[in-house]
């Protein structure tokens, strides 16, 4: 298959393009962050420029498109809601319409943050209630995709992994700070279902192979607090968990509101794939194995 990945320098985009390139012909779209991978082709374009989406699809002629590009920094979204709207709401709808006309399959990467986190244990049928500009614009984006391309696959995710900058995921935050002996905070009142980006990438490719469509929650099948996630990572890497201070999110002084309990059900995904997504220990073990294999340095060398 010919696979186009937008946002291919980002955490998910880069790992997904790398995983997909093991089996497919991959094209990775980037904007500001140029990369030099050997396993897939890189195309530079600003997707907000007039005609850029159409030109990209015409040049790559993809069978599958995985749309990872987004404005994902919550505080930047709060500061520039107009840009967040352009990237997270309007662009996905435009891309979905163009992909539908060309006959390719589309995966749109959405977010678990569309929920307010007051209850947790959310299914795909539960009503979203976004709290931040990021969450509101991402919800508008998934709805625009569904309207423009009813056959699209829309996945709400939460993930971690090794990134180009070594600063893009919570796991990297914990690992590099603990390795440096830095005292850090870990939120005890924020719960999530983090999935390793490489595992997420392979699940998305399997979903495309199975020709799935519609809305799915694609996260780890277990939940954890961010503090406990950091402690688990510290123990696996043999680092000092005492450097992680248990903290309430209210004490952190963050600009954007955070949902306290973003725990999502994965029953629909497990039924569609005939197996559940990985659990926390499996994901962290894979994350550690990648570290042992030198994968973090390989990723950073692409920049």
Protein backbone atom coordinates (compact mmCIF):
# COMPACT_ATOMS: atom_id res chain seq x y z
CA UNK A 1 0.00 0.00 0.00
CA UNK A 2 0.98 3.64 -0.51
CA UNK A 3 0.61 5.36 2.86
CA UNK A 4 0.63 9.11 3.45
CA UNK A 5 1.29 10.27 7.01
CA UNK A 6 0.75 13.94 7.85
CA UNK A 7 2.71 15.44 10.71
CA UNK A 8 5.48 12.90 10.17
CA UNK A 9 7.97 14.71 12.41
CA UNK A 10 5.64 14.52 15.42
CA UNK A 11 5.65 11.85 18.09
CA UNK A 12 2.96 9.64 16.57
CA UNK A 13 3.58 10.59 12.95
CA UNK A 14 7.27 9.69 13.01
CA UNK A 15 6.80 6.42 14.85
CA UNK A 16 3.84 5.47 12.65
CA UNK A 17 5.67 6.27 9.42
CA UNK A 18 8.63 4.21 10.63
CA UNK A 19 6.44 1.24 11.56
CA UNK A 20 4.41 1.43 8.33
CA UNK A 21 7.58 1.60 6.22
CA UNK A 22 8.43 -1.97 7.28
CA UNK A 23 5.57 -3.22 5.08
CA UNK A 24 4.38 -0.34 2.87
CA UNK A 25 5.55 2.52 0.66
CA UNK A 26 5.35 5.55 2.96
CA UNK A 27 5.31 9.29 2.37
CA UNK A 28 5.70 11.56 5.39
CA UNK A 29 4.47 15.17 5.24
CA UNK A 30 6.32 17.66 7.43
CA UNK A 31 6.13 21.42 7.82
CA UNK A 32 8.68 23.16 10.04
CA UNK A 33 10.72 20.19 11.28
CA UNK A 34 12.68 18.59 8.47
CA UNK A 35 13.69 14.96 8.96
CA UNK A 36 16.02 12.63 7.08
CA UNK A 37 14.72 9.06 7.39
CA UNK A 38 16.00 6.28 5.20
CA UNK A 39 12.87 4.15 5.32
CA UNK A 40 10.30 6.57 3.88
CA UNK A 41 10.04 9.62 1.60
CA UNK A 42 9.60 13.08 3.12
CA UNK A 43 7.55 15.87 1.56
CA UNK A 44 7.65 19.43 2.90
CA UNK A 45 4.40 21.40 2.79
CA UNK A 46 2.29 23.81 4.82
CA UNK A 47 -1.13 22.15 4.83
CA UNK A 48 -2.81 25.50 5.53
CA UNK A 49 -1.53 26.99 2.26
CA UNK A 50 -4.07 27.20 -0.59
CA UNK A 51 -3.97 24.05 -2.72
CA UNK A 52 -1.44 22.29 -0.45
CA UNK A 53 -3.73 19.39 0.51
CA UNK A 54 -4.76 18.75 -3.07
CA UNK A 55 -1.16 18.90 -4.32
CA UNK A 56 0.04 16.52 -1.62
CA UNK A 57 -2.60 13.93 -2.47
CA UNK A 58 -1.95 14.30 -6.19
CA UNK A 59 1.81 13.83 -5.73
CA UNK A 60 1.61 10.82 -3.43
CA UNK A 61 -1.50 9.02 -4.77
CA UNK A 62 -2.03 7.25 -1.43
CA UNK A 63 -4.18 4.22 -0.70
CA UNK A 64 -4.21 5.13 3.00
CA UNK A 65 -3.89 8.52 4.69
CA UNK A 66 -3.17 8.84 8.42
CA UNK A 67 -3.73 12.40 9.59
CA UNK A 68 -1.51 13.02 12.61
CA UNK A 69 -0.79 16.72 12.05
CA UNK A 70 -2.34 18.97 14.69
CA UNK A 71 -1.66 21.81 17.10
CA UNK A 72 -1.32 19.67 20.22
CA UNK A 73 0.25 22.05 22.74
CA UNK A 74 -2.63 22.88 25.07
CA UNK A 75 -1.26 26.22 26.25
CA UNK A 76 -0.41 27.37 22.69
CA UNK A 77 -3.99 26.54 21.70
CA UNK A 78 -5.28 28.70 24.57
CA UNK A 79 -3.04 31.57 23.42
CA UNK A 80 -3.96 31.29 19.72
CA UNK A 81 -7.45 29.79 19.35
CA UNK A 82 -7.70 30.94 15.73
CA UNK A 83 -4.65 28.90 14.72
CA UNK A 84 -5.94 25.95 16.75
CA UNK A 85 -9.22 26.17 14.85
CA UNK A 86 -7.45 26.23 11.49
CA UNK A 87 -5.23 23.24 12.24
CA UNK A 88 -7.47 21.11 14.44
CA UNK A 89 -10.96 21.82 13.05
CA UNK A 90 -10.95 23.20 9.51
CA UNK A 91 -7.96 21.34 8.04
CA UNK A 92 -9.19 17.84 9.02
CA UNK A 93 -12.56 18.45 7.36
CA UNK A 94 -10.91 19.70 4.17
CA UNK A 95 -8.49 16.78 4.08
CA UNK A 96 -11.30 14.30 4.70
CA UNK A 97 -13.31 15.68 1.78
CA UNK A 98 -10.31 15.56 -0.56
CA UNK A 99 -9.40 12.01 0.48
CA UNK A 100 -13.00 10.88 -0.03
CA UNK A 101 -13.02 12.26 -3.58
CA UNK A 102 -9.80 10.40 -4.39
CA UNK A 103 -11.01 7.08 -2.98
CA UNK A 104 -8.28 6.52 -0.37
CA UNK A 105 -8.93 5.37 3.22
CA UNK A 106 -8.48 7.95 5.97
CA UNK A 107 -7.52 7.63 9.62
CA UNK A 108 -8.07 10.84 11.56
CA UNK A 109 -6.22 10.99 14.88
CA UNK A 110 -8.48 12.56 17.50
CA UNK A 111 -8.04 12.83 21.27
CA UNK A 112 -9.36 11.49 24.55
CA UNK A 113 -9.45 15.10 25.81
CA UNK A 114 -12.91 15.65 24.28
CA UNK A 115 -14.35 14.43 27.61
CA UNK A 116 -14.47 16.51 30.79
CA UNK A 117 -13.18 13.60 32.86
CA UNK A 118 -15.72 13.97 35.64
CA UNK A 119 -16.93 10.38 35.37
CA UNK A 120 -14.41 8.38 33.36
CA UNK A 121 -14.89 4.98 31.74
CA UNK A 122 -16.18 6.62 28.56
CA UNK A 123 -17.43 4.67 25.54
CA UNK A 124 -17.71 5.93 21.97
CA UNK A 125 -21.41 6.61 22.62
CA UNK A 126 -20.84 8.99 25.53
CA UNK A 127 -21.39 12.71 25.00
CA UNK A 128 -18.15 14.75 24.88
CA UNK A 129 -17.73 17.91 26.94
CA UNK A 130 -14.37 19.50 26.08
CA UNK A 131 -12.77 21.84 28.63
CA UNK A 132 -9.96 23.52 26.66
CA UNK A 133 -9.46 25.23 23.31
CA UNK A 134 -7.42 22.22 22.20
CA UNK A 135 -10.17 19.78 23.13
CA UNK A 136 -12.94 21.90 21.60
CA UNK A 137 -11.11 22.32 18.30
CA UNK A 138 -10.19 18.63 18.14
CA UNK A 139 -13.82 17.65 18.73
CA UNK A 140 -14.91 20.02 15.95
CA UNK A 141 -12.27 18.38 13.74
CA UNK A 142 -13.49 14.83 14.29
CA UNK A 143 -17.06 15.95 13.58
CA UNK A 144 -15.95 17.70 10.39
CA UNK A 145 -14.18 14.52 9.28
CA UNK A 146 -17.23 12.36 9.98
CA UNK A 147 -19.46 14.70 7.97
CA UNK A 148 -17.09 15.06 5.00
CA UNK A 149 -16.04 11.40 4.87
CA UNK A 150 -18.44 8.94 6.55
CA UNK A 151 -16.11 6.03 5.74
CA UNK A 152 -13.21 7.59 7.64
CA UNK A 153 -11.72 5.94 10.70
CA UNK A 154 -11.66 8.35 13.66
CA UNK A 155 -9.54 7.30 16.63
CA UNK A 156 -9.43 8.93 20.05
CA UNK A 157 -6.00 8.28 21.47
CA UNK A 158 -3.51 8.96 24.25
CA UNK A 159 0.07 7.89 23.64
CA UNK A 160 3.72 8.18 24.63
CA UNK A 161 7.00 7.16 23.07
CA UNK A 162 10.42 8.25 21.87
CA UNK A 163 10.39 11.46 19.83
CA UNK A 164 12.58 13.61 17.60
CA UNK A 165 13.06 16.31 20.25
CA UNK A 166 13.10 13.91 23.25
CA UNK A 167 10.48 16.23 24.78
CA UNK A 168 7.19 15.20 23.22
CA UNK A 169 5.84 12.59 25.62
CA UNK A 170 5.22 12.18 29.32
CA UNK A 171 7.38 9.07 29.34
CA UNK A 172 10.34 11.05 28.00
CA UNK A 173 9.69 13.77 30.60
CA UNK A 174 9.92 11.23 33.38
CA UNK A 175 12.84 9.28 31.91
CA UNK A 176 15.17 12.18 31.07
CA UNK A 177 14.50 14.11 34.28
CA UNK A 178 14.94 11.04 36.47
CA UNK A 179 18.09 10.09 34.59
CA UNK A 180 19.44 13.59 35.33
CA UNK A 181 18.50 13.31 39.01
CA UNK A 182 15.96 16.14 38.75
CA UNK A 183 13.09 16.41 41.23
CA UNK A 184 9.79 16.51 39.32
CA UNK A 185 6.05 16.47 39.92
CA UNK A 186 3.67 13.61 39.15
CA UNK A 187 -0.06 14.29 39.21
CA UNK A 188 -1.96 11.94 41.50
CA UNK A 189 -5.38 13.24 40.39
CA UNK A 190 -5.05 12.98 36.59
CA UNK A 191 -5.88 9.53 35.19
CA UNK A 192 -5.34 8.35 31.62
CA UNK A 193 -4.87 5.26 29.44
CA UNK A 194 -1.50 5.75 27.72
CA UNK A 195 -0.55 3.56 24.76
CA UNK A 196 2.95 3.30 23.31
CA UNK A 197 3.07 5.14 19.96
CA UNK A 198 4.62 2.14 18.19
CA UNK A 199 1.85 -0.15 19.46
CA UNK A 200 -0.75 2.44 18.49
CA UNK A 201 0.78 2.70 15.02
CA UNK A 202 0.52 -1.03 14.41
CA UNK A 203 -3.04 -1.15 15.71
CA UNK A 204 -4.03 1.64 13.29
CA UNK A 205 -2.42 -0.21 10.39
CA UNK A 206 -4.31 -3.36 11.37
CA UNK A 207 -7.56 -1.39 11.51
CA UNK A 208 -6.92 -0.14 7.99
CA UNK A 209 -6.19 -3.66 6.79
CA UNK A 210 -9.52 -4.75 8.27
CA UNK A 211 -11.26 -1.85 6.51
CA UNK A 212 -12.76 -0.53 9.75
CA UNK A 213 -14.54 2.81 9.79
CA UNK A 214 -16.23 5.09 12.27
CA UNK A 215 -15.24 6.16 15.78
CA UNK A 216 -13.00 4.04 18.03
CA UNK A 217 -11.20 4.54 21.31
CA UNK A 218 -7.64 3.29 20.76
CA UNK A 219 -5.88 3.51 24.12
CA UNK A 220 -4.31 1.21 26.69
CA UNK A 221 -6.83 -1.16 28.23
CA UNK A 222 -5.77 -0.06 31.73
CA UNK A 223 -5.77 3.36 33.38
CA UNK A 224 -3.23 4.93 35.71
CA UNK A 225 -2.50 8.25 37.36
CA UNK A 226 0.33 10.25 35.86
CA UNK A 227 2.22 9.87 39.13
CA UNK A 228 1.87 6.09 39.10
CA UNK A 229 2.88 6.00 35.44
CA UNK A 230 6.09 7.81 36.34
CA UNK A 231 6.77 5.45 39.23
CA UNK A 232 6.22 2.41 37.00
CA UNK A 233 8.61 3.82 34.41
CA UNK A 234 11.22 4.63 37.06
CA UNK A 235 11.10 1.08 38.39
CA UNK A 236 11.44 -0.48 34.92
CA UNK A 237 14.47 1.68 34.09
CA UNK A 238 16.02 1.32 37.54
CA UNK A 239 15.70 5.05 38.29
CA UNK A 240 14.93 6.75 41.60
CA UNK A 241 11.15 7.00 41.98
CA UNK A 242 11.63 9.17 45.08
CA UNK A 243 12.48 12.05 42.73
CA UNK A 244 8.80 12.14 41.69
CA UNK A 245 6.77 14.32 44.06
CA UNK A 246 3.08 13.33 44.26
CA UNK A 247 1.21 16.52 43.33
CA UNK A 248 -2.32 17.74 42.62
CA UNK A 249 -2.79 19.33 39.20
CA UNK A 250 -4.25 22.41 40.93
CA UNK A 251 -0.80 23.08 42.40
CA UNK A 252 0.90 23.13 38.99
CA UNK A 253 -0.41 26.49 37.71
CA UNK A 254 -1.25 25.22 34.21
CA UNK A 255 -3.04 27.53 31.76
CA UNK A 256 -5.41 25.08 30.09
CA UNK A 257 -7.93 23.02 32.03
CA UNK A 258 -7.12 19.31 32.31
CA UNK A 259 -9.75 16.59 32.52
CA UNK A 260 -9.14 14.56 35.71
CA UNK A 261 -10.32 11.11 34.60
CA UNK A 262 -9.73 10.39 30.91
CA UNK A 263 -10.35 6.67 31.20
CA UNK A 264 -11.80 5.23 27.99
CA UNK A 265 -13.41 1.87 27.27
CA UNK A 266 -11.86 -0.25 24.52
CA UNK A 267 -14.58 -2.91 24.19
CA UNK A 268 -15.44 -1.86 20.63
CA UNK A 269 -11.81 -2.01 19.55
CA UNK A 270 -11.22 -5.38 21.20
CA UNK A 271 -14.28 -6.84 19.48
CA UNK A 272 -13.28 -5.47 16.06
CA UNK A 273 -9.72 -6.80 16.32
CA UNK A 274 -10.61 -9.98 18.25
CA UNK A 275 -8.05 -9.04 20.90
CA UNK A 276 -7.67 -6.23 23.45
CA UNK A 277 -5.04 -3.49 23.14
CA UNK A 278 -1.86 -3.87 25.24
CA UNK A 279 -1.88 -3.29 28.99
CA UNK A 280 0.39 -0.84 30.83
CA UNK A 281 3.20 -3.26 31.68
CA UNK A 282 3.36 -4.59 28.10
CA UNK A 283 3.62 -1.07 26.71
CA UNK A 284 6.31 -0.01 29.17
CA UNK A 285 8.26 -3.20 28.47
CA UNK A 286 8.18 -2.43 24.73
CA UNK A 287 9.24 1.18 25.49
CA UNK A 288 12.18 -0.18 27.52
CA UNK A 289 13.12 -2.69 24.80
CA UNK A 290 13.25 0.11 22.22
CA UNK A 291 15.58 1.99 24.57
CA UNK A 292 17.86 -1.04 24.86
CA UNK A 293 17.96 -1.30 21.06
CA UNK A 294 19.13 2.31 20.68
CA UNK A 295 15.85 3.46 19.16
CA UNK A 296 15.71 6.85 20.96
CA UNK A 297 19.04 7.87 19.43
CA UNK A 298 17.98 6.58 16.01
CA UNK A 299 14.88 8.77 16.18
CA UNK A 300 16.84 11.87 17.28
CA UNK A 301 19.38 11.32 14.51
CA UNK A 302 16.64 11.82 11.93
CA UNK A 303 16.43 15.52 12.74
